[in-house]
Amino acid sequence: MSSSWNAPTPGQLKTLEDAKEALAEGLAMLNAALTTEVAAARKAFESSGLGLLRGLEPVK
């Protein structure tokens, strides 16, 4: 990508759409990990009296 006053080309629009899809996929994976694996680890630590990974919420 480069800077231009012209309208984006079809190729540039495709690149932006691909990046948007990759970001959405990555955020879905991160949020899944935060709500399953990290949540389970957090619960185990808190039940043992330790406070690890507090305040990590899904990314929006």
PDB file of N, CA and C in Angstrom:
ATOM      1  N   MET A   1       0.840  -1.172   0.000  1.00  0.00           N
ATOM      2  CA  MET A   1       0.000   0.000   0.000  1.00  0.00           C
ATOM      3  C   MET A   1       0.885   1.236   0.000  1.00  0.00           C
ATOM      4  N   SER A   2       0.375   2.245  -0.641  1.00  0.00           N
ATOM      5  CA  SER A   2       1.082   3.517  -0.636  1.00  0.00           C
ATOM      6  C   SER A   2       0.059   4.639  -0.525  1.00  0.00           C
ATOM      7  N   SER A   3       0.553   5.819  -0.328  1.00  0.00           N
ATOM      8  CA  SER A   3      -0.306   6.980  -0.168  1.00  0.00           C
ATOM      9  C   SER A   3      -0.688   7.532  -1.536  1.00  0.00           C
ATOM     10  N   SER A   4      -1.965   7.881  -1.691  1.00  0.00           N
ATOM     11  CA  SER A   4      -2.429   8.431  -2.958  1.00  0.00           C
ATOM     12  C   SER A   4      -3.752   9.138  -2.737  1.00  0.00           C
ATOM     13  N   TRP A   5      -4.003  10.150  -3.558  1.00  0.00           N
ATOM     14  CA  TRP A   5      -5.288  10.848  -3.511  1.00  0.00           C
ATOM     15  C   TRP A   5      -6.329  10.117  -4.349  1.00  0.00           C
ATOM     16  N   ASN A   6      -5.890   9.161  -5.143  1.00  0.00           N
ATOM     17  CA  ASN A   6      -6.799   8.422  -6.010  1.00  0.00           C
ATOM     18  C   ASN A   6      -7.606   7.405  -5.200  1.00  0.00           C
ATOM     19  N   ALA A   7      -8.725   7.005  -5.770  1.00  0.00           N
ATOM     20  CA  ALA A   7      -9.534   5.958  -5.136  1.00  0.00           C
ATOM     21  C   ALA A   7      -8.723   4.663  -5.080  1.00  0.00           C
ATOM     22  N   PRO A   8      -8.966   3.830  -4.079  1.00  0.00           N
ATOM     23  CA  PRO A   8      -8.236   2.567  -3.990  1.00  0.00           C
ATOM     24  C   PRO A   8      -8.512   1.683  -5.212  1.00  0.00           C
ATOM     25  N   THR A   9      -7.499   0.972  -5.599  1.00  0.00           N
ATOM     26  CA  THR A   9      -7.645   0.045  -6.727  1.00  0.00           C
ATOM     27  C   THR A   9      -8.338  -1.216  -6.226  1.00  0.00           C
ATOM     28  N   PRO A  10      -8.851  -2.039  -7.134  1.00  0.00           N
ATOM     29  CA  PRO A  10      -9.439  -3.305  -6.703  1.00  0.00           C
ATOM     30  C   PRO A  10      -8.447  -4.166  -5.911  1.00  0.00           C
ATOM     31  N   GLY A  11      -7.201  -4.153  -6.304  1.00  0.00           N
ATOM     32  CA  GLY A  11      -6.184  -4.916  -5.573  1.00  0.00           C
ATOM     33  C   GLY A  11      -5.975  -4.405  -4.160  1.00  0.00           C
ATOM     34  N   GLN A  12      -5.981  -3.087  -3.997  1.00  0.00           N
ATOM     35  CA  GLN A  12      -5.832  -2.496  -2.671  1.00  0.00           C
ATOM     36  C   GLN A  12      -7.045  -2.802  -1.800  1.00  0.00           C
ATOM     37  N   LEU A  13      -8.228  -2.752  -2.396  1.00  0.00           N
ATOM     38  CA  LEU A  13      -9.437  -3.096  -1.643  1.00  0.00           C
ATOM     39  C   LEU A  13      -9.416  -4.550  -1.208  1.00  0.00           C
ATOM     40  N   LYS A  14      -8.906  -5.425  -2.065  1.00  0.00           N
ATOM     41  CA  LYS A  14      -8.797  -6.851  -1.726  1.00  0.00           C
ATOM     42  C   LYS A  14      -7.819  -7.032  -0.568  1.00  0.00           C
ATOM     43  N   THR A  15      -6.704  -6.329  -0.606  1.00  0.00           N
ATOM     44  CA  THR A  15      -5.722  -6.404   0.472  1.00  0.00           C
ATOM     45  C   THR A  15      -6.337  -5.946   1.792  1.00  0.00           C
ATOM     46  N   LEU A  16      -7.100  -4.869   1.763  1.00  0.00           N
ATOM     47  CA  LEU A  16      -7.764  -4.386   2.977  1.00  0.00           C
ATOM     48  C   LEU A  16      -8.779  -5.401   3.487  1.00  0.00           C
ATOM     49  N   GLU A  17      -9.540  -5.998   2.583  1.00  0.00           N
ATOM     50  CA  GLU A  17     -10.538  -6.994   2.987  1.00  0.00           C
ATOM     51  C   GLU A  17      -9.856  -8.228   3.586  1.00  0.00           C
ATOM     52  N   ASP A  18      -8.749  -8.652   2.974  1.00  0.00           N
ATOM     53  CA  ASP A  18      -7.993  -9.791   3.512  1.00  0.00           C
ATOM     54  C   ASP A  18      -7.472  -9.488   4.911  1.00  0.00           C
ATOM     55  N   ALA A  19      -6.964  -8.275   5.111  1.00  0.00           N
ATOM     56  CA  ALA A  19      -6.454  -7.879   6.433  1.00  0.00           C
ATOM     57  C   ALA A  19      -7.583  -7.844   7.455  1.00  0.00           C
ATOM     58  N   LYS A  20      -8.729  -7.336   7.042  1.00  0.00           N
ATOM     59  CA  LYS A  20      -9.889  -7.280   7.938  1.00  0.00           C
ATOM     60  C   LYS A  20     -10.320  -8.681   8.357  1.00  0.00           C
ATOM     61  N   GLU A  21     -10.342  -9.619   7.409  1.00  0.00           N
ATOM     62  CA  GLU A  21     -10.715 -11.003   7.710  1.00  0.00           C
ATOM     63  C   GLU A  21      -9.690 -11.663   8.624  1.00  0.00           C
ATOM     64  N   ALA A  22      -8.392 -11.409   8.368  1.00  0.00           N
ATOM     65  CA  ALA A  22      -7.332 -11.990   9.202  1.00  0.00           C
ATOM     66  C   ALA A  22      -7.423 -11.451  10.627  1.00  0.00           C
ATOM     67  N   LEU A  23      -7.706 -10.164  10.766  1.00  0.00           N
ATOM     68  CA  LEU A  23      -7.850  -9.571  12.096  1.00  0.00           C
ATOM     69  C   LEU A  23      -9.038 -10.175  12.834  1.00  0.00           C
ATOM     70  N   ALA A  24     -10.163 -10.315  12.145  1.00  0.00           N
ATOM     71  CA  ALA A  24     -11.347 -10.902  12.768  1.00  0.00           C
ATOM     72  C   ALA A  24     -11.074 -12.335  13.202  1.00  0.00           C
ATOM     73  N   GLU A  25     -10.359 -13.077  12.371  1.00  0.00           N
ATOM     74  CA  GLU A  25     -10.011 -14.469  12.706  1.00  0.00           C
ATOM     75  C   GLU A  25      -9.094 -14.525  13.925  1.00  0.00           C
ATOM     76  N   GLY A  26      -8.097 -13.648  13.944  1.00  0.00           N
ATOM     77  CA  GLY A  26      -7.174 -13.601  15.077  1.00  0.00           C
ATOM     78  C   GLY A  26      -7.860 -13.201  16.366  1.00  0.00           C
ATOM     79  N   LEU A  27      -8.752 -12.211  16.294  1.00  0.00           N
ATOM     80  CA  LEU A  27      -9.486 -11.792  17.485  1.00  0.00           C
ATOM     81  C   LEU A  27     -10.403 -12.900  17.987  1.00  0.00           C
ATOM     82  N   ALA A  28     -11.008 -13.641  17.066  1.00  0.00           N
ATOM     83  CA  ALA A  28     -11.863 -14.761  17.473  1.00  0.00           C
ATOM     84  C   ALA A  28     -11.044 -15.819  18.205  1.00  0.00           C
ATOM     85  N   MET A  29      -9.846 -16.103  17.706  1.00  0.00           N
ATOM     86  CA  MET A  29      -8.979 -17.086  18.358  1.00  0.00           C
ATOM     87  C   MET A  29      -8.539 -16.588  19.738  1.00  0.00           C
ATOM     88  N   LEU A  30      -8.170 -15.318  19.824  1.00  0.00           N
ATOM     89  CA  LEU A  30      -7.749 -14.738  21.104  1.00  0.00           C
ATOM     90  C   LEU A  30      -8.895 -14.775  22.107  1.00  0.00           C
ATOM     91  N   ASN A  31     -10.071 -14.351  21.680  1.00  0.00           N
ATOM     92  CA  ASN A  31     -11.225 -14.339  22.581  1.00  0.00           C
ATOM     93  C   ASN A  31     -11.611 -15.748  23.013  1.00  0.00           C
ATOM     94  N   ALA A  32     -11.489 -16.721  22.114  1.00  0.00           N
ATOM     95  CA  ALA A  32     -11.780 -18.107  22.480  1.00  0.00           C
ATOM     96  C   ALA A  32     -10.813 -18.575  23.560  1.00  0.00           C
ATOM     97  N   ALA A  33      -9.533 -18.245  23.404  1.00  0.00           N
ATOM     98  CA  ALA A  33      -8.539 -18.636  24.408  1.00  0.00           C
ATOM     99  C   ALA A  33      -8.800 -17.933  25.739  1.00  0.00           C
ATOM    100  N   LEU A  34      -9.169 -16.652  25.683  1.00  0.00           N
ATOM    101  CA  LEU A  34      -9.440 -15.912  26.925  1.00  0.00           C
ATOM    102  C   LEU A  34     -10.643 -16.468  27.665  1.00  0.00           C
ATOM    103  N   THR A  35     -11.640 -16.939  26.937  1.00  0.00           N
ATOM    104  CA  THR A  35     -12.861 -17.412  27.597  1.00  0.00           C
ATOM    105  C   THR A  35     -12.812 -18.891  27.953  1.00  0.00           C
ATOM    106  N   THR A  36     -11.815 -19.622  27.466  1.00  0.00           N
ATOM    107  CA  THR A  36     -11.729 -21.043  27.806  1.00  0.00           C
ATOM    108  C   THR A  36     -10.454 -21.319  28.598  1.00  0.00           C
ATOM    109  N   GLU A  37      -9.335 -21.390  27.923  1.00  0.00           N
ATOM    110  CA  GLU A  37      -8.071 -21.777  28.561  1.00  0.00           C
ATOM    111  C   GLU A  37      -7.633 -20.801  29.648  1.00  0.00           C
ATOM    112  N   VAL A  38      -7.648 -19.524  29.332  1.00  0.00           N
ATOM    113  CA  VAL A  38      -7.205 -18.523  30.311  1.00  0.00           C
ATOM    114  C   VAL A  38      -8.198 -18.454  31.469  1.00  0.00           C
ATOM    115  N   ALA A  39      -9.490 -18.536  31.168  1.00  0.00           N
ATOM    116  CA  ALA A  39     -10.498 -18.500  32.230  1.00  0.00           C
ATOM    117  C   ALA A  39     -10.331 -19.688  33.172  1.00  0.00           C
ATOM    118  N   ALA A  40     -10.059 -20.862  32.621  1.00  0.00           N
ATOM    119  CA  ALA A  40      -9.861 -22.045  33.458  1.00  0.00           C
ATOM    120  C   ALA A  40      -8.609 -21.897  34.325  1.00  0.00           C
ATOM    121  N   ALA A  41      -7.539 -21.386  33.743  1.00  0.00           N
ATOM    122  CA  ALA A  41      -6.305 -21.184  34.508  1.00  0.00           C
ATOM    123  C   ALA A  41      -6.528 -20.140  35.597  1.00  0.00           C
ATOM    124  N   ARG A  42      -7.238 -19.068  35.255  1.00  0.00           N
ATOM    125  CA  ARG A  42      -7.528 -18.018  36.232  1.00  0.00           C
ATOM    126  C   ARG A  42      -8.332 -18.583  37.401  1.00  0.00           C
ATOM    127  N   LYS A  43      -9.334 -19.392  37.084  1.00  0.00           N
ATOM    128  CA  LYS A  43     -10.173 -19.991  38.134  1.00  0.00           C
ATOM    129  C   LYS A  43      -9.346 -20.895  39.044  1.00  0.00           C
ATOM    130  N   ALA A  44      -8.449 -21.685  38.460  1.00  0.00           N
ATOM    131  CA  ALA A  44      -7.599 -22.579  39.245  1.00  0.00           C
ATOM    132  C   ALA A  44      -6.670 -21.782  40.157  1.00  0.00           C
ATOM    133  N   PHE A  45      -6.086 -20.709  39.633  1.00  0.00           N
ATOM    134  CA  PHE A  45      -5.197 -19.888  40.445  1.00  0.00           C
ATOM    135  C   PHE A  45      -5.955 -19.193  41.565  1.00  0.00           C
ATOM    136  N   GLU A  46      -7.130 -18.644  41.238  1.00  0.00           N
ATOM    137  CA  GLU A  46      -7.898 -17.932  42.260  1.00  0.00           C
ATOM    138  C   GLU A  46      -8.374 -18.868  43.359  1.00  0.00           C
ATOM    139  N   SER A  47      -8.726 -20.104  43.001  1.00  0.00           N
ATOM    140  CA  SER A  47      -9.163 -21.056  44.024  1.00  0.00           C
ATOM    141  C   SER A  47      -8.011 -21.462  44.933  1.00  0.00           C
ATOM    142  N   SER A  48      -6.785 -21.283  44.456  1.00  0.00           N
ATOM    143  CA  SER A  48      -5.633 -21.595  45.296  1.00  0.00           C
ATOM    144  C   SER A  48      -5.170 -20.383  46.102  1.00  0.00           C
ATOM    145  N   GLY A  49      -5.864 -19.247  45.912  1.00  0.00           N
ATOM    146  CA  GLY A  49      -5.507 -18.050  46.667  1.00  0.00           C
ATOM    147  C   GLY A  49      -4.605 -17.097  45.915  1.00  0.00           C
ATOM    148  N   LEU A  50      -4.205 -17.460  44.719  1.00  0.00           N
ATOM    149  CA  LEU A  50      -3.367 -16.586  43.906  1.00  0.00           C
ATOM    150  C   LEU A  50      -4.249 -15.787  42.963  1.00  0.00           C
ATOM    151  N   GLY A  51      -3.822 -14.602  42.603  1.00  0.00           N
ATOM    152  CA  GLY A  51      -4.587 -13.774  41.678  1.00  0.00           C
ATOM    153  C   GLY A  51      -3.808 -13.531  40.402  1.00  0.00           C
ATOM    154  N   LEU A  52      -3.911 -14.417  39.471  1.00  0.00           N
ATOM    155  CA  LEU A  52      -3.173 -14.293  38.218  1.00  0.00           C
ATOM    156  C   LEU A  52      -4.137 -13.986  37.082  1.00  0.00           C
ATOM    157  N   LEU A  53      -3.732 -13.112  36.203  1.00  0.00           N
ATOM    158  CA  LEU A  53      -4.471 -12.795  34.984  1.00  0.00           C
ATOM    159  C   LEU A  53      -5.839 -12.177  35.258  1.00  0.00           C
ATOM    160  N   ARG A  54      -5.923 -11.380  36.272  1.00  0.00           N
ATOM    161  CA  ARG A  54      -7.194 -10.701  36.570  1.00  0.00           C
ATOM    162  C   ARG A  54      -7.428  -9.592  35.550  1.00  0.00           C
ATOM    163  N   GLY A  55      -8.664  -9.383  35.212  1.00  0.00           N
ATOM    164  CA  GLY A  55      -9.034  -8.276  34.343  1.00  0.00           C
ATOM    165  C   GLY A  55      -8.843  -8.493  32.863  1.00  0.00           C
ATOM    166  N   LEU A  56      -8.484  -9.693  32.434  1.00  0.00           N
ATOM    167  CA  LEU A  56      -8.359  -9.940  30.999  1.00  0.00           C
ATOM    168  C   LEU A  56      -9.727 -10.278  30.433  1.00  0.00           C
ATOM    169  N   GLU A  57     -10.244  -9.386  29.647  1.00  0.00           N
ATOM    170  CA  GLU A  57     -11.562  -9.573  29.054  1.00  0.00           C
ATOM    171  C   GLU A  57     -11.397  -9.760  27.551  1.00  0.00           C
ATOM    172  N   PRO A  58     -12.401 -10.309  26.886  1.00  0.00           N
ATOM    173  CA  PRO A  58     -12.337 -10.436  25.426  1.00  0.00           C
ATOM    174  C   PRO A  58     -12.097  -9.090  24.759  1.00  0.00           C
ATOM    175  N   VAL A  59     -11.358  -9.106  23.676  1.00  0.00           N
ATOM    176  CA  VAL A  59     -11.044  -7.911  22.912  1.00  0.00           C
ATOM    177  C   VAL A  59     -12.188  -7.625  21.961  1.00  0.00           C
ATOM    178  N   LYS A  60     -12.583  -6.386  21.859  1.00  0.00           N
ATOM    179  CA  LYS A  60     -13.688  -6.015  20.974  1.00  0.00           C
ATOM    180  C   LYS A  60     -13.198  -5.157  19.842  1.00  0.00           C
TER     181      LYS A  60
END
